[in-house]
């Protein structure tokens, strides 16, 4: 990359930061570079990514090469829905996306974003995916996307409340959606802030029968 290109990139980044500072404090609807409507707030790092670029460019590039129209896909740890909405676009009307998000604040934003984009092939489960059925303690964080069953040292300082949430295996959540016998789950994205192993232990049947790509 030339010096001129590096300077141009730095200026563009600075301009995006300045623009974000002028967003209304309560947030606003913005159209992302992917053509998705999302309700975004100033000061949130991921919201700036959604608005001006991509929070996960490798996912955006690679996922459509694997997921095809008619497939089923799963997003465990839905946050505000960017990953799930791109999946819903990839599987098309004949496919379906199951997204799991136990944080009420994140799930509300996810649902609002899905409705604004008129996405009909998506099911939101407001529970925690784990290895068994029961109730678990869940730490709600001030930052949407940082809530977790096992907050790390960085997240601890912004934990605002600990609540009890329902937990079920991913195998059971998928069965509740009653996918057609011929449906194939080709993709599972898991980002649950430290609980990924527990999610996998609750998806042994799904992994064995469908052999999906894990992201």
N, C-alpha and C. Protein backbone atom coordinates (compact mmCIF):
# COMPACT_ATOMS: atom_id res chain seq x y z
N UNK A 1 0.85 -1.19 0.00
CA UNK A 1 0.00 0.00 0.00
C UNK A 1 0.88 1.25 0.00
N UNK A 2 0.59 2.18 -0.89
CA UNK A 2 1.40 3.39 -1.00
C UNK A 2 1.11 4.34 0.14
N UNK A 3 1.99 5.34 0.29
CA UNK A 3 1.81 6.34 1.34
C UNK A 3 0.49 7.09 1.13
N UNK A 4 0.20 7.44 -0.12
CA UNK A 4 -1.04 8.17 -0.41
C UNK A 4 -2.27 7.35 -0.02
N UNK A 5 -2.22 6.05 -0.28
CA UNK A 5 -3.34 5.17 0.08
C UNK A 5 -3.50 5.07 1.58
N UNK A 6 -2.38 5.01 2.30
CA UNK A 6 -2.45 4.94 3.77
C UNK A 6 -3.02 6.23 4.35
N UNK A 7 -2.63 7.36 3.79
CA UNK A 7 -3.16 8.64 4.26
C UNK A 7 -4.66 8.73 3.98
N UNK A 8 -5.06 8.31 2.79
CA UNK A 8 -6.48 8.35 2.44
C UNK A 8 -7.30 7.47 3.38
N UNK A 9 -6.79 6.28 3.69
CA UNK A 9 -7.51 5.38 4.60
C UNK A 9 -7.63 5.99 5.99
N UNK A 10 -6.54 6.62 6.47
CA UNK A 10 -6.57 7.24 7.80
C UNK A 10 -7.58 8.38 7.85
N UNK A 11 -7.63 9.18 6.79
CA UNK A 11 -8.59 10.29 6.74
C UNK A 11 -10.02 9.79 6.70
N UNK A 12 -10.25 8.74 5.93
CA UNK A 12 -11.59 8.17 5.87
C UNK A 12 -12.01 7.65 7.24
N UNK A 13 -11.09 6.99 7.96
CA UNK A 13 -11.40 6.46 9.28
C UNK A 13 -11.73 7.61 10.24
N UNK A 14 -10.91 8.69 10.18
CA UNK A 14 -11.16 9.84 11.06
C UNK A 14 -12.53 10.46 10.76
N UNK A 15 -12.88 10.58 9.47
CA UNK A 15 -14.16 11.16 9.09
C UNK A 15 -15.32 10.32 9.60
N UNK A 16 -15.18 9.01 9.56
CA UNK A 16 -16.25 8.14 10.05
C UNK A 16 -16.46 8.31 11.54
N UNK A 17 -15.35 8.46 12.28
CA UNK A 17 -15.46 8.68 13.73
C UNK A 17 -16.19 9.98 14.01
N UNK A 18 -15.83 11.05 13.27
CA UNK A 18 -16.48 12.34 13.46
C UNK A 18 -17.97 12.25 13.15
N UNK A 19 -18.33 11.55 12.07
CA UNK A 19 -19.73 11.39 11.71
C UNK A 19 -20.49 10.64 12.80
N UNK A 20 -19.87 9.61 13.37
CA UNK A 20 -20.56 8.84 14.40
C UNK A 20 -20.81 9.70 15.64
N UNK A 21 -19.91 10.60 15.96
CA UNK A 21 -20.09 11.45 17.13
C UNK A 21 -21.32 12.35 17.00
N UNK A 22 -21.79 12.55 15.78
CA UNK A 22 -22.96 13.40 15.56
C UNK A 22 -24.26 12.59 15.44
N UNK A 23 -24.20 11.28 15.68
CA UNK A 23 -25.43 10.52 15.72
C UNK A 23 -26.23 10.95 16.95
N UNK A 24 -27.56 10.89 16.91
CA UNK A 24 -28.36 11.16 18.11
C UNK A 24 -27.98 10.20 19.24
N UNK A 25 -27.98 10.70 20.46
CA UNK A 25 -27.56 9.88 21.60
C UNK A 25 -28.44 8.64 21.75
N UNK A 26 -29.72 8.76 21.39
CA UNK A 26 -30.62 7.61 21.54
C UNK A 26 -30.47 6.61 20.41
N UNK A 27 -29.66 6.95 19.40
CA UNK A 27 -29.45 6.04 18.29
C UNK A 27 -30.28 6.42 17.08
N UNK A 28 -30.04 5.74 15.96
CA UNK A 28 -30.76 6.06 14.73
C UNK A 28 -30.69 4.87 13.79
N UNK A 29 -31.64 4.82 12.86
CA UNK A 29 -31.62 3.79 11.83
C UNK A 29 -30.63 4.19 10.75
N UNK A 30 -29.77 3.23 10.37
CA UNK A 30 -28.81 3.46 9.31
C UNK A 30 -28.78 2.24 8.38
N UNK A 31 -28.48 2.49 7.14
CA UNK A 31 -28.34 1.41 6.18
C UNK A 31 -26.86 1.04 6.08
N UNK A 32 -26.55 -0.23 6.29
CA UNK A 32 -25.17 -0.68 6.28
C UNK A 32 -24.66 -0.85 4.84
N UNK A 33 -23.34 -0.96 4.65
CA UNK A 33 -22.81 -1.21 3.31
C UNK A 33 -23.36 -2.49 2.68
N UNK A 34 -23.87 -3.41 3.50
CA UNK A 34 -24.47 -4.65 2.99
C UNK A 34 -25.93 -4.46 2.60
N UNK A 35 -26.45 -3.24 2.78
CA UNK A 35 -27.84 -2.97 2.41
C UNK A 35 -28.84 -3.36 3.48
N UNK A 36 -28.39 -3.55 4.72
CA UNK A 36 -29.27 -3.91 5.83
C UNK A 36 -29.58 -2.67 6.67
N UNK A 37 -30.83 -2.55 7.09
CA UNK A 37 -31.19 -1.50 8.04
C UNK A 37 -30.89 -1.99 9.45
N UNK A 38 -30.18 -1.17 10.25
CA UNK A 38 -29.89 -1.52 11.64
C UNK A 38 -30.04 -0.28 12.50
N UNK A 39 -30.54 -0.46 13.72
CA UNK A 39 -30.64 0.65 14.67
C UNK A 39 -29.33 0.72 15.43
N UNK A 40 -28.60 1.81 15.25
CA UNK A 40 -27.23 1.93 15.77
C UNK A 40 -27.11 3.12 16.70
N UNK A 41 -26.16 3.02 17.65
CA UNK A 41 -25.96 4.07 18.65
C UNK A 41 -24.52 4.57 18.62
N UNK A 42 -24.31 5.87 18.93
CA UNK A 42 -22.95 6.40 18.95
C UNK A 42 -22.16 5.82 20.12
N UNK A 43 -20.86 5.71 19.94
CA UNK A 43 -20.00 5.22 21.01
C UNK A 43 -19.85 3.73 21.05
N UNK A 44 -20.62 3.00 20.27
CA UNK A 44 -20.51 1.54 20.23
C UNK A 44 -19.59 1.17 19.08
N UNK A 45 -18.48 0.51 19.42
CA UNK A 45 -17.48 0.17 18.39
C UNK A 45 -18.09 -0.65 17.26
N UNK A 46 -18.86 -1.68 17.62
CA UNK A 46 -19.45 -2.53 16.59
C UNK A 46 -20.45 -1.78 15.73
N UNK A 47 -21.16 -0.81 16.33
CA UNK A 47 -22.12 -0.06 15.54
C UNK A 47 -21.43 0.77 14.47
N UNK A 48 -20.25 1.28 14.79
CA UNK A 48 -19.48 2.01 13.77
C UNK A 48 -19.06 1.06 12.65
N UNK A 49 -18.70 -0.16 13.02
CA UNK A 49 -18.35 -1.16 11.99
C UNK A 49 -19.55 -1.47 11.12
N UNK A 50 -20.71 -1.67 11.74
CA UNK A 50 -21.91 -1.96 10.96
C UNK A 50 -22.23 -0.83 9.99
N UNK A 51 -22.06 0.41 10.45
CA UNK A 51 -22.46 1.56 9.66
C UNK A 51 -21.55 1.83 8.48
N UNK A 52 -20.24 1.61 8.66
CA UNK A 52 -19.30 2.09 7.66
C UNK A 52 -18.47 1.01 6.97
N UNK A 53 -18.43 -0.18 7.55
CA UNK A 53 -17.59 -1.21 6.92
C UNK A 53 -18.18 -2.59 7.18
N UNK A 54 -17.51 -3.40 8.00
CA UNK A 54 -17.96 -4.75 8.32
C UNK A 54 -17.28 -5.19 9.60
N UNK A 55 -18.02 -5.77 10.56
CA UNK A 55 -17.38 -6.26 11.78
C UNK A 55 -16.61 -7.56 11.58
N UNK A 56 -16.85 -8.22 10.45
CA UNK A 56 -16.21 -9.52 10.20
C UNK A 56 -16.15 -9.74 8.69
N UNK A 57 -15.14 -9.16 8.06
CA UNK A 57 -15.06 -9.21 6.60
C UNK A 57 -14.86 -10.62 6.08
N UNK A 58 -14.10 -11.44 6.82
CA UNK A 58 -13.87 -12.82 6.37
C UNK A 58 -15.17 -13.61 6.35
N UNK A 59 -16.03 -13.40 7.35
CA UNK A 59 -17.35 -14.05 7.37
C UNK A 59 -18.18 -13.58 6.18
N UNK A 60 -18.21 -12.30 5.94
CA UNK A 60 -19.02 -11.74 4.86
C UNK A 60 -18.59 -12.28 3.51
N UNK A 61 -17.30 -12.54 3.35
CA UNK A 61 -16.79 -13.03 2.07
C UNK A 61 -16.94 -14.55 1.92
N UNK A 62 -16.69 -15.29 3.02
CA UNK A 62 -16.61 -16.75 2.93
C UNK A 62 -17.96 -17.44 3.06
N UNK A 63 -18.83 -16.94 3.95
CA UNK A 63 -20.09 -17.62 4.23
C UNK A 63 -20.93 -17.88 2.98
N UNK A 64 -21.11 -16.89 2.07
CA UNK A 64 -21.95 -17.14 0.89
C UNK A 64 -21.37 -18.19 -0.06
N UNK A 65 -20.10 -18.55 0.10
CA UNK A 65 -19.51 -19.60 -0.74
C UNK A 65 -19.92 -20.99 -0.26
N UNK A 66 -20.38 -21.06 0.98
CA UNK A 66 -20.77 -22.35 1.58
C UNK A 66 -22.28 -22.50 1.66
N UNK A 67 -22.95 -21.46 2.13
CA UNK A 67 -24.40 -21.52 2.36
C UNK A 67 -25.13 -21.25 1.05
N UNK A 68 -26.10 -22.11 0.75
CA UNK A 68 -26.82 -22.03 -0.51
C UNK A 68 -28.33 -21.85 -0.26
N UNK A 69 -29.06 -21.33 -1.26
CA UNK A 69 -30.52 -21.21 -1.12
C UNK A 69 -31.14 -22.56 -0.74
N UNK A 70 -32.04 -22.52 0.24
CA UNK A 70 -32.70 -23.73 0.71
C UNK A 70 -32.04 -24.36 1.91
N UNK A 71 -30.81 -23.94 2.25
CA UNK A 71 -30.12 -24.48 3.42
C UNK A 71 -30.75 -23.96 4.72
N UNK A 72 -30.40 -24.64 5.80
CA UNK A 72 -30.70 -24.14 7.15
C UNK A 72 -29.38 -23.72 7.78
N UNK A 73 -29.43 -22.69 8.62
CA UNK A 73 -28.23 -22.20 9.28
C UNK A 73 -28.56 -21.76 10.70
N UNK A 74 -27.55 -21.74 11.56
CA UNK A 74 -27.74 -21.41 12.97
C UNK A 74 -26.74 -20.34 13.39
N UNK A 75 -27.24 -19.37 14.15
CA UNK A 75 -26.40 -18.31 14.70
C UNK A 75 -26.59 -18.30 16.21
N UNK A 76 -25.64 -18.87 16.93
CA UNK A 76 -25.69 -18.91 18.39
C UNK A 76 -24.91 -17.73 18.94
N UNK A 77 -25.63 -16.80 19.56
CA UNK A 77 -25.05 -15.54 20.00
C UNK A 77 -25.37 -14.48 18.97
N UNK A 78 -26.67 -14.15 18.86
CA UNK A 78 -27.15 -13.34 17.74
C UNK A 78 -26.79 -11.87 17.80
N UNK A 79 -26.48 -11.34 19.00
CA UNK A 79 -26.19 -9.92 19.18
C UNK A 79 -27.27 -9.08 18.49
N UNK A 80 -26.92 -8.20 17.57
CA UNK A 80 -27.92 -7.32 16.94
C UNK A 80 -28.43 -7.85 15.61
N UNK A 81 -27.94 -9.03 15.20
CA UNK A 81 -28.54 -9.68 14.05
C UNK A 81 -27.81 -9.58 12.72
N UNK A 82 -26.66 -8.89 12.68
CA UNK A 82 -25.97 -8.73 11.40
C UNK A 82 -25.61 -10.07 10.79
N UNK A 83 -25.02 -10.97 11.59
CA UNK A 83 -24.64 -12.29 11.10
C UNK A 83 -25.86 -13.08 10.64
N UNK A 84 -26.91 -13.07 11.46
CA UNK A 84 -28.12 -13.84 11.13
C UNK A 84 -28.81 -13.30 9.89
N UNK A 85 -28.84 -11.99 9.72
CA UNK A 85 -29.53 -11.41 8.56
C UNK A 85 -28.78 -11.72 7.27
N UNK A 86 -27.46 -11.74 7.32
CA UNK A 86 -26.70 -12.16 6.13
C UNK A 86 -26.95 -13.63 5.83
N UNK A 87 -27.08 -14.45 6.87
CA UNK A 87 -27.42 -15.85 6.66
C UNK A 87 -28.80 -15.99 6.03
N UNK A 88 -29.76 -15.22 6.52
CA UNK A 88 -31.13 -15.28 5.99
C UNK A 88 -31.14 -14.91 4.50
N UNK A 89 -30.32 -13.97 4.14
CA UNK A 89 -30.22 -13.59 2.72
C UNK A 89 -29.63 -14.74 1.91
N UNK A 90 -28.63 -15.42 2.48
CA UNK A 90 -27.95 -16.50 1.74
C UNK A 90 -28.84 -17.72 1.56
N UNK A 91 -29.64 -18.08 2.57
CA UNK A 91 -30.46 -19.29 2.46
C UNK A 91 -31.73 -19.04 1.66
N UNK A 92 -32.15 -17.77 1.55
CA UNK A 92 -33.30 -17.43 0.73
C UNK A 92 -34.62 -17.88 1.34
N UNK A 93 -35.73 -17.59 0.67
CA UNK A 93 -37.06 -17.92 1.19
C UNK A 93 -37.27 -19.41 1.45
N UNK A 94 -36.58 -20.27 0.72
CA UNK A 94 -36.75 -21.71 0.90
C UNK A 94 -35.95 -22.25 2.06
N UNK A 95 -35.02 -21.47 2.59
CA UNK A 95 -34.20 -21.89 3.72
C UNK A 95 -34.66 -21.24 5.01
N UNK A 96 -33.89 -21.44 6.08
CA UNK A 96 -34.28 -20.88 7.37
C UNK A 96 -33.05 -20.68 8.24
N UNK A 97 -33.15 -19.66 9.11
CA UNK A 97 -32.08 -19.36 10.06
C UNK A 97 -32.64 -19.41 11.48
N UNK A 98 -31.94 -20.11 12.35
CA UNK A 98 -32.26 -20.14 13.78
C UNK A 98 -31.20 -19.33 14.49
N UNK A 99 -31.60 -18.27 15.19
CA UNK A 99 -30.63 -17.46 15.92
C UNK A 99 -31.00 -17.45 17.40
N UNK A 100 -29.98 -17.56 18.25
CA UNK A 100 -30.17 -17.68 19.70
C UNK A 100 -29.54 -16.48 20.38
N UNK A 101 -30.33 -15.78 21.21
CA UNK A 101 -29.82 -14.61 21.94
C UNK A 101 -30.56 -14.45 23.26
N UNK A 102 -29.92 -14.77 24.40
CA UNK A 102 -30.60 -14.68 25.70
C UNK A 102 -30.59 -13.30 26.34
N UNK A 103 -29.74 -12.39 25.87
CA UNK A 103 -29.70 -11.04 26.43
C UNK A 103 -30.93 -10.26 25.94
N UNK A 104 -31.84 -9.84 26.83
CA UNK A 104 -33.07 -9.17 26.38
C UNK A 104 -32.79 -7.92 25.54
N UNK A 105 -31.80 -7.12 25.90
CA UNK A 105 -31.50 -5.89 25.16
C UNK A 105 -31.04 -6.22 23.75
N UNK A 106 -30.16 -7.19 23.63
CA UNK A 106 -29.67 -7.58 22.31
C UNK A 106 -30.78 -8.21 21.49
N UNK A 107 -31.58 -9.08 22.12
CA UNK A 107 -32.66 -9.76 21.41
C UNK A 107 -33.70 -8.76 20.90
N UNK A 108 -33.98 -7.71 21.68
CA UNK A 108 -34.94 -6.70 21.24
C UNK A 108 -34.41 -5.96 20.02
N UNK A 109 -33.13 -5.61 20.03
CA UNK A 109 -32.53 -4.94 18.88
C UNK A 109 -32.52 -5.86 17.67
N UNK A 110 -32.18 -7.12 17.90
CA UNK A 110 -32.16 -8.10 16.81
C UNK A 110 -33.54 -8.21 16.16
N UNK A 111 -34.57 -8.35 16.99
CA UNK A 111 -35.92 -8.47 16.48
C UNK A 111 -36.33 -7.23 15.69
N UNK A 112 -36.00 -6.04 16.22
CA UNK A 112 -36.35 -4.80 15.52
C UNK A 112 -35.63 -4.72 14.17
N UNK A 113 -34.36 -5.12 14.13
CA UNK A 113 -33.61 -5.08 12.87
C UNK A 113 -34.19 -6.05 11.86
N UNK A 114 -34.55 -7.24 12.34
CA UNK A 114 -35.14 -8.25 11.45
C UNK A 114 -36.47 -7.76 10.88
N UNK A 115 -37.29 -7.16 11.72
CA UNK A 115 -38.59 -6.67 11.26
C UNK A 115 -38.43 -5.50 10.29
N UNK A 116 -37.46 -4.62 10.56
CA UNK A 116 -37.25 -3.48 9.65
C UNK A 116 -36.83 -3.96 8.27
N UNK A 117 -36.09 -5.06 8.22
CA UNK A 117 -35.63 -5.61 6.94
C UNK A 117 -36.62 -6.60 6.34
N UNK A 118 -37.76 -6.79 7.00
CA UNK A 118 -38.83 -7.67 6.51
C UNK A 118 -38.31 -9.09 6.22
N UNK A 119 -37.54 -9.59 7.16
CA UNK A 119 -36.98 -10.94 7.03
C UNK A 119 -37.95 -11.93 7.67
N UNK A 120 -38.43 -12.86 6.88
CA UNK A 120 -39.45 -13.80 7.36
C UNK A 120 -38.91 -15.20 7.61
N UNK A 121 -37.71 -15.49 7.14
CA UNK A 121 -37.17 -16.85 7.25
C UNK A 121 -36.17 -16.98 8.40
N UNK A 122 -36.54 -16.41 9.55
CA UNK A 122 -35.64 -16.40 10.71
C UNK A 122 -36.44 -16.62 11.98
N UNK A 123 -35.95 -17.50 12.85
CA UNK A 123 -36.56 -17.76 14.15
C UNK A 123 -35.59 -17.31 15.25
N UNK A 124 -36.07 -16.46 16.15
CA UNK A 124 -35.27 -15.99 17.28
C UNK A 124 -35.66 -16.76 18.54
N UNK A 125 -34.67 -17.36 19.20
CA UNK A 125 -34.89 -18.05 20.47
C UNK A 125 -34.20 -17.24 21.56
N UNK A 126 -34.98 -16.78 22.54
CA UNK A 126 -34.44 -15.94 23.62
C UNK A 126 -34.02 -16.81 24.81
N UNK A 127 -33.13 -17.73 24.56
CA UNK A 127 -32.62 -18.62 25.59
C UNK A 127 -31.11 -18.77 25.41
N UNK A 128 -30.49 -19.43 26.36
CA UNK A 128 -29.07 -19.72 26.26
C UNK A 128 -28.88 -21.14 25.72
N UNK A 129 -28.00 -21.30 24.75
CA UNK A 129 -27.69 -22.63 24.23
C UNK A 129 -26.61 -23.25 25.10
N UNK A 130 -26.87 -24.48 25.55
CA UNK A 130 -25.91 -25.16 26.42
C UNK A 130 -26.00 -26.66 26.29
N UNK A 131 -25.42 -27.36 27.24
CA UNK A 131 -25.34 -28.81 27.14
C UNK A 131 -26.52 -29.53 27.77
N UNK A 132 -27.40 -28.81 28.49
CA UNK A 132 -28.52 -29.45 29.17
C UNK A 132 -29.69 -28.47 29.24
N UNK A 133 -30.82 -28.97 29.73
CA UNK A 133 -32.01 -28.14 29.93
C UNK A 133 -32.07 -27.69 31.38
N UNK A 134 -32.30 -26.41 31.61
CA UNK A 134 -32.39 -25.91 32.97
C UNK A 134 -32.33 -24.39 33.01
N UNK A 135 -32.03 -23.86 34.18
CA UNK A 135 -31.86 -22.43 34.38
C UNK A 135 -30.40 -22.16 34.74
N UNK A 136 -29.84 -21.09 34.17
CA UNK A 136 -28.44 -20.74 34.45
C UNK A 136 -28.35 -19.25 34.77
N UNK A 137 -27.31 -18.90 35.53
CA UNK A 137 -27.06 -17.48 35.82
C UNK A 137 -26.43 -16.83 34.60
N UNK A 138 -26.91 -15.64 34.29
CA UNK A 138 -26.44 -14.94 33.10
C UNK A 138 -26.13 -13.50 33.49
N UNK A 139 -24.94 -13.02 33.14
CA UNK A 139 -24.50 -11.67 33.49
C UNK A 139 -24.80 -10.71 32.34
N UNK A 140 -25.72 -9.77 32.59
CA UNK A 140 -26.06 -8.78 31.58
C UNK A 140 -25.03 -7.65 31.62
N UNK A 141 -24.56 -7.26 30.45
CA UNK A 141 -23.51 -6.25 30.35
C UNK A 141 -24.04 -4.94 29.78
N UNK A 142 -23.40 -3.84 30.16
CA UNK A 142 -23.79 -2.54 29.62
C UNK A 142 -23.60 -2.49 28.11
N UNK A 143 -22.62 -3.26 27.62
CA UNK A 143 -22.32 -3.26 26.19
C UNK A 143 -23.03 -4.45 25.53
N UNK A 144 -23.89 -4.14 24.57
CA UNK A 144 -24.62 -5.19 23.87
C UNK A 144 -23.63 -6.08 23.12
N UNK A 145 -23.69 -7.38 23.42
CA UNK A 145 -22.76 -8.32 22.82
C UNK A 145 -21.75 -8.86 23.81
N UNK A 146 -21.68 -8.26 25.02
CA UNK A 146 -20.73 -8.73 26.03
C UNK A 146 -21.42 -9.53 27.14
N UNK A 147 -22.72 -9.64 27.13
CA UNK A 147 -23.41 -10.43 28.16
C UNK A 147 -22.98 -11.89 28.04
N UNK A 148 -22.88 -12.58 29.17
CA UNK A 148 -22.26 -13.90 29.14
C UNK A 148 -22.59 -14.69 30.40
N UNK A 149 -22.55 -16.01 30.27
CA UNK A 149 -22.63 -16.88 31.44
C UNK A 149 -21.33 -16.83 32.23
N UNK A 150 -20.23 -16.57 31.54
CA UNK A 150 -18.90 -16.58 32.17
C UNK A 150 -18.12 -15.34 31.75
N UNK A 151 -18.48 -14.14 32.28
CA UNK A 151 -17.79 -12.92 31.87
C UNK A 151 -16.30 -12.98 32.19
N UNK A 152 -15.48 -12.51 31.26
CA UNK A 152 -14.04 -12.51 31.50
C UNK A 152 -13.63 -11.26 32.29
N UNK A 153 -12.34 -11.10 32.52
CA UNK A 153 -11.85 -10.00 33.36
C UNK A 153 -12.20 -8.64 32.77
N UNK A 154 -12.14 -8.52 31.46
CA UNK A 154 -12.47 -7.25 30.82
C UNK A 154 -13.95 -6.93 30.95
N UNK A 155 -14.80 -7.93 30.83
CA UNK A 155 -16.24 -7.72 30.87
C UNK A 155 -16.78 -7.48 32.28
N UNK A 156 -16.08 -7.97 33.28
CA UNK A 156 -16.59 -7.91 34.66
C UNK A 156 -16.93 -6.50 35.09
N UNK A 157 -16.12 -5.52 34.70
CA UNK A 157 -16.33 -4.16 35.18
C UNK A 157 -17.60 -3.52 34.64
N UNK A 158 -18.14 -4.03 33.55
CA UNK A 158 -19.35 -3.43 32.97
C UNK A 158 -20.57 -4.33 33.11
N UNK A 159 -20.48 -5.37 33.94
CA UNK A 159 -21.66 -6.19 34.24
C UNK A 159 -22.64 -5.35 35.06
N UNK A 160 -23.89 -5.26 34.61
CA UNK A 160 -24.86 -4.41 35.29
C UNK A 160 -25.88 -5.19 36.11
N UNK A 161 -26.07 -6.47 35.79
CA UNK A 161 -27.08 -7.27 36.49
C UNK A 161 -26.86 -8.74 36.21
N UNK A 162 -27.17 -9.58 37.20
CA UNK A 162 -27.13 -11.02 37.00
C UNK A 162 -28.55 -11.57 37.11
N UNK A 163 -28.95 -12.31 36.10
CA UNK A 163 -30.31 -12.82 36.04
C UNK A 163 -30.27 -14.32 35.76
N UNK A 164 -31.42 -14.95 35.87
CA UNK A 164 -31.55 -16.36 35.53
C UNK A 164 -32.22 -16.48 34.17
N UNK A 165 -31.63 -17.27 33.28
CA UNK A 165 -32.22 -17.47 31.96
C UNK A 165 -32.37 -18.96 31.69
N UNK A 166 -33.28 -19.28 30.81
CA UNK A 166 -33.49 -20.68 30.42
C UNK A 166 -32.35 -21.12 29.51
N UNK A 167 -31.93 -22.37 29.68
CA UNK A 167 -30.90 -22.95 28.83
C UNK A 167 -31.40 -24.27 28.26
N UNK A 168 -31.12 -24.49 26.96
CA UNK A 168 -31.48 -25.76 26.33
C UNK A 168 -30.41 -26.14 25.32
N UNK A 169 -30.30 -27.43 24.99
CA UNK A 169 -29.35 -27.86 23.96
C UNK A 169 -29.78 -27.36 22.58
N UNK A 170 -28.80 -27.09 21.75
CA UNK A 170 -29.06 -26.66 20.38
C UNK A 170 -29.84 -27.73 19.61
N UNK A 171 -29.58 -29.00 19.92
CA UNK A 171 -30.33 -30.09 19.29
C UNK A 171 -31.84 -29.92 19.49
N UNK A 172 -32.24 -29.56 20.72
CA UNK A 172 -33.67 -29.40 21.03
C UNK A 172 -34.24 -28.15 20.37
N UNK A 173 -33.47 -27.07 20.34
CA UNK A 173 -33.95 -25.83 19.72
C UNK A 173 -34.22 -26.05 18.23
N UNK A 174 -33.33 -26.78 17.56
CA UNK A 174 -33.53 -27.05 16.14
C UNK A 174 -34.76 -27.93 15.94
N UNK A 175 -34.93 -28.95 16.79
CA UNK A 175 -36.08 -29.85 16.66
C UNK A 175 -37.39 -29.09 16.80
N UNK A 176 -37.41 -28.06 17.66
CA UNK A 176 -38.63 -27.27 17.85
C UNK A 176 -39.03 -26.52 16.58
N UNK A 177 -38.05 -26.21 15.74
CA UNK A 177 -38.34 -25.51 14.47
C UNK A 177 -38.89 -26.45 13.41
N UNK A 178 -38.86 -27.75 13.68
CA UNK A 178 -39.38 -28.77 12.77
C UNK A 178 -38.90 -28.60 11.34
N UNK A 179 -37.59 -28.65 11.13
CA UNK A 179 -37.11 -28.53 9.73
C UNK A 179 -37.57 -29.72 8.90
N UNK A 180 -37.79 -29.53 7.61
CA UNK A 180 -38.17 -30.65 6.74
C UNK A 180 -37.12 -31.75 6.78
N UNK A 181 -37.54 -32.97 6.50
CA UNK A 181 -36.62 -34.11 6.57
C UNK A 181 -35.42 -33.93 5.66
N UNK A 182 -35.62 -33.26 4.55
CA UNK A 182 -34.53 -33.09 3.58
C UNK A 182 -33.66 -31.87 3.87
N UNK A 183 -34.04 -31.07 4.87
CA UNK A 183 -33.28 -29.86 5.17
C UNK A 183 -31.90 -30.20 5.71
N UNK A 184 -30.89 -29.43 5.29
CA UNK A 184 -29.54 -29.63 5.76
C UNK A 184 -29.06 -28.36 6.45
N UNK A 185 -28.53 -28.53 7.66
CA UNK A 185 -27.89 -27.41 8.36
C UNK A 185 -26.45 -27.37 7.87
N UNK A 186 -26.11 -26.35 7.12
CA UNK A 186 -24.78 -26.29 6.50
C UNK A 186 -23.83 -25.36 7.23
N UNK A 187 -24.36 -24.55 8.17
CA UNK A 187 -23.50 -23.52 8.78
C UNK A 187 -23.95 -23.26 10.21
N UNK A 188 -23.01 -23.24 11.14
CA UNK A 188 -23.30 -22.82 12.51
C UNK A 188 -22.24 -21.81 12.93
N UNK A 189 -22.69 -20.60 13.26
CA UNK A 189 -21.80 -19.59 13.81
C UNK A 189 -22.03 -19.52 15.32
N UNK A 190 -20.96 -19.60 16.11
CA UNK A 190 -21.07 -19.57 17.57
C UNK A 190 -20.17 -18.47 18.12
N UNK A 191 -20.77 -17.52 18.83
CA UNK A 191 -20.01 -16.47 19.52
C UNK A 191 -20.77 -16.15 20.79
N UNK A 192 -20.45 -16.89 21.85
CA UNK A 192 -21.23 -16.77 23.09
C UNK A 192 -20.34 -16.39 24.28
N UNK A 193 -19.29 -15.65 24.00
CA UNK A 193 -18.47 -15.06 25.06
C UNK A 193 -17.96 -16.08 26.08
N UNK A 194 -17.38 -17.15 25.60
CA UNK A 194 -16.74 -18.11 26.51
C UNK A 194 -17.48 -19.41 26.70
N UNK A 195 -18.73 -19.50 26.23
CA UNK A 195 -19.51 -20.73 26.44
C UNK A 195 -19.59 -21.61 25.21
N UNK A 196 -18.66 -21.45 24.28
CA UNK A 196 -18.73 -22.17 23.01
C UNK A 196 -18.69 -23.69 23.19
N UNK A 197 -17.86 -24.18 24.10
CA UNK A 197 -17.74 -25.63 24.31
C UNK A 197 -19.06 -26.22 24.78
N UNK A 198 -19.77 -25.51 25.67
CA UNK A 198 -21.06 -25.99 26.16
C UNK A 198 -22.09 -26.04 25.04
N UNK A 199 -22.06 -25.06 24.13
CA UNK A 199 -22.97 -25.07 22.99
C UNK A 199 -22.73 -26.31 22.13
N UNK A 200 -21.48 -26.63 21.88
CA UNK A 200 -21.14 -27.79 21.05
C UNK A 200 -21.55 -29.10 21.73
N UNK A 201 -21.41 -29.17 23.05
CA UNK A 201 -21.80 -30.39 23.75
C UNK A 201 -23.31 -30.61 23.70
N UNK A 202 -24.06 -29.55 23.46
CA UNK A 202 -25.51 -29.68 23.33
C UNK A 202 -25.96 -29.81 21.89
N UNK A 203 -25.01 -30.05 20.99
CA UNK A 203 -25.35 -30.14 19.57
C UNK A 203 -24.76 -31.38 18.92
N UNK A 204 -24.56 -32.44 19.71
CA UNK A 204 -23.89 -33.64 19.18
C UNK A 204 -24.69 -34.30 18.08
N UNK A 205 -26.01 -34.37 18.23
CA UNK A 205 -26.84 -34.99 17.20
C UNK A 205 -26.81 -34.16 15.91
N UNK A 206 -26.93 -32.88 16.06
CA UNK A 206 -26.91 -31.97 14.92
C UNK A 206 -25.57 -32.08 14.17
N UNK A 207 -24.48 -32.07 14.92
CA UNK A 207 -23.15 -32.14 14.28
C UNK A 207 -22.95 -33.47 13.57
N UNK A 208 -23.45 -34.54 14.18
CA UNK A 208 -23.28 -35.87 13.59
C UNK A 208 -24.11 -36.03 12.32
N UNK A 209 -25.35 -35.54 12.34
CA UNK A 209 -26.26 -35.75 11.21
C UNK A 209 -26.03 -34.79 10.05
N UNK A 210 -25.57 -33.57 10.35
CA UNK A 210 -25.49 -32.55 9.31
C UNK A 210 -24.06 -32.17 8.93
N UNK A 211 -23.11 -32.39 9.82
CA UNK A 211 -21.70 -32.04 9.55
C UNK A 211 -21.58 -30.61 9.00
N UNK A 212 -22.10 -29.61 9.72
CA UNK A 212 -22.04 -28.25 9.19
C UNK A 212 -20.65 -27.64 9.33
N UNK A 213 -20.43 -26.56 8.60
CA UNK A 213 -19.26 -25.72 8.83
C UNK A 213 -19.46 -24.97 10.14
N UNK A 214 -18.44 -24.92 10.97
CA UNK A 214 -18.49 -24.19 12.24
C UNK A 214 -17.70 -22.90 12.11
N UNK A 215 -18.35 -21.80 12.47
CA UNK A 215 -17.67 -20.51 12.42
C UNK A 215 -17.59 -19.96 13.84
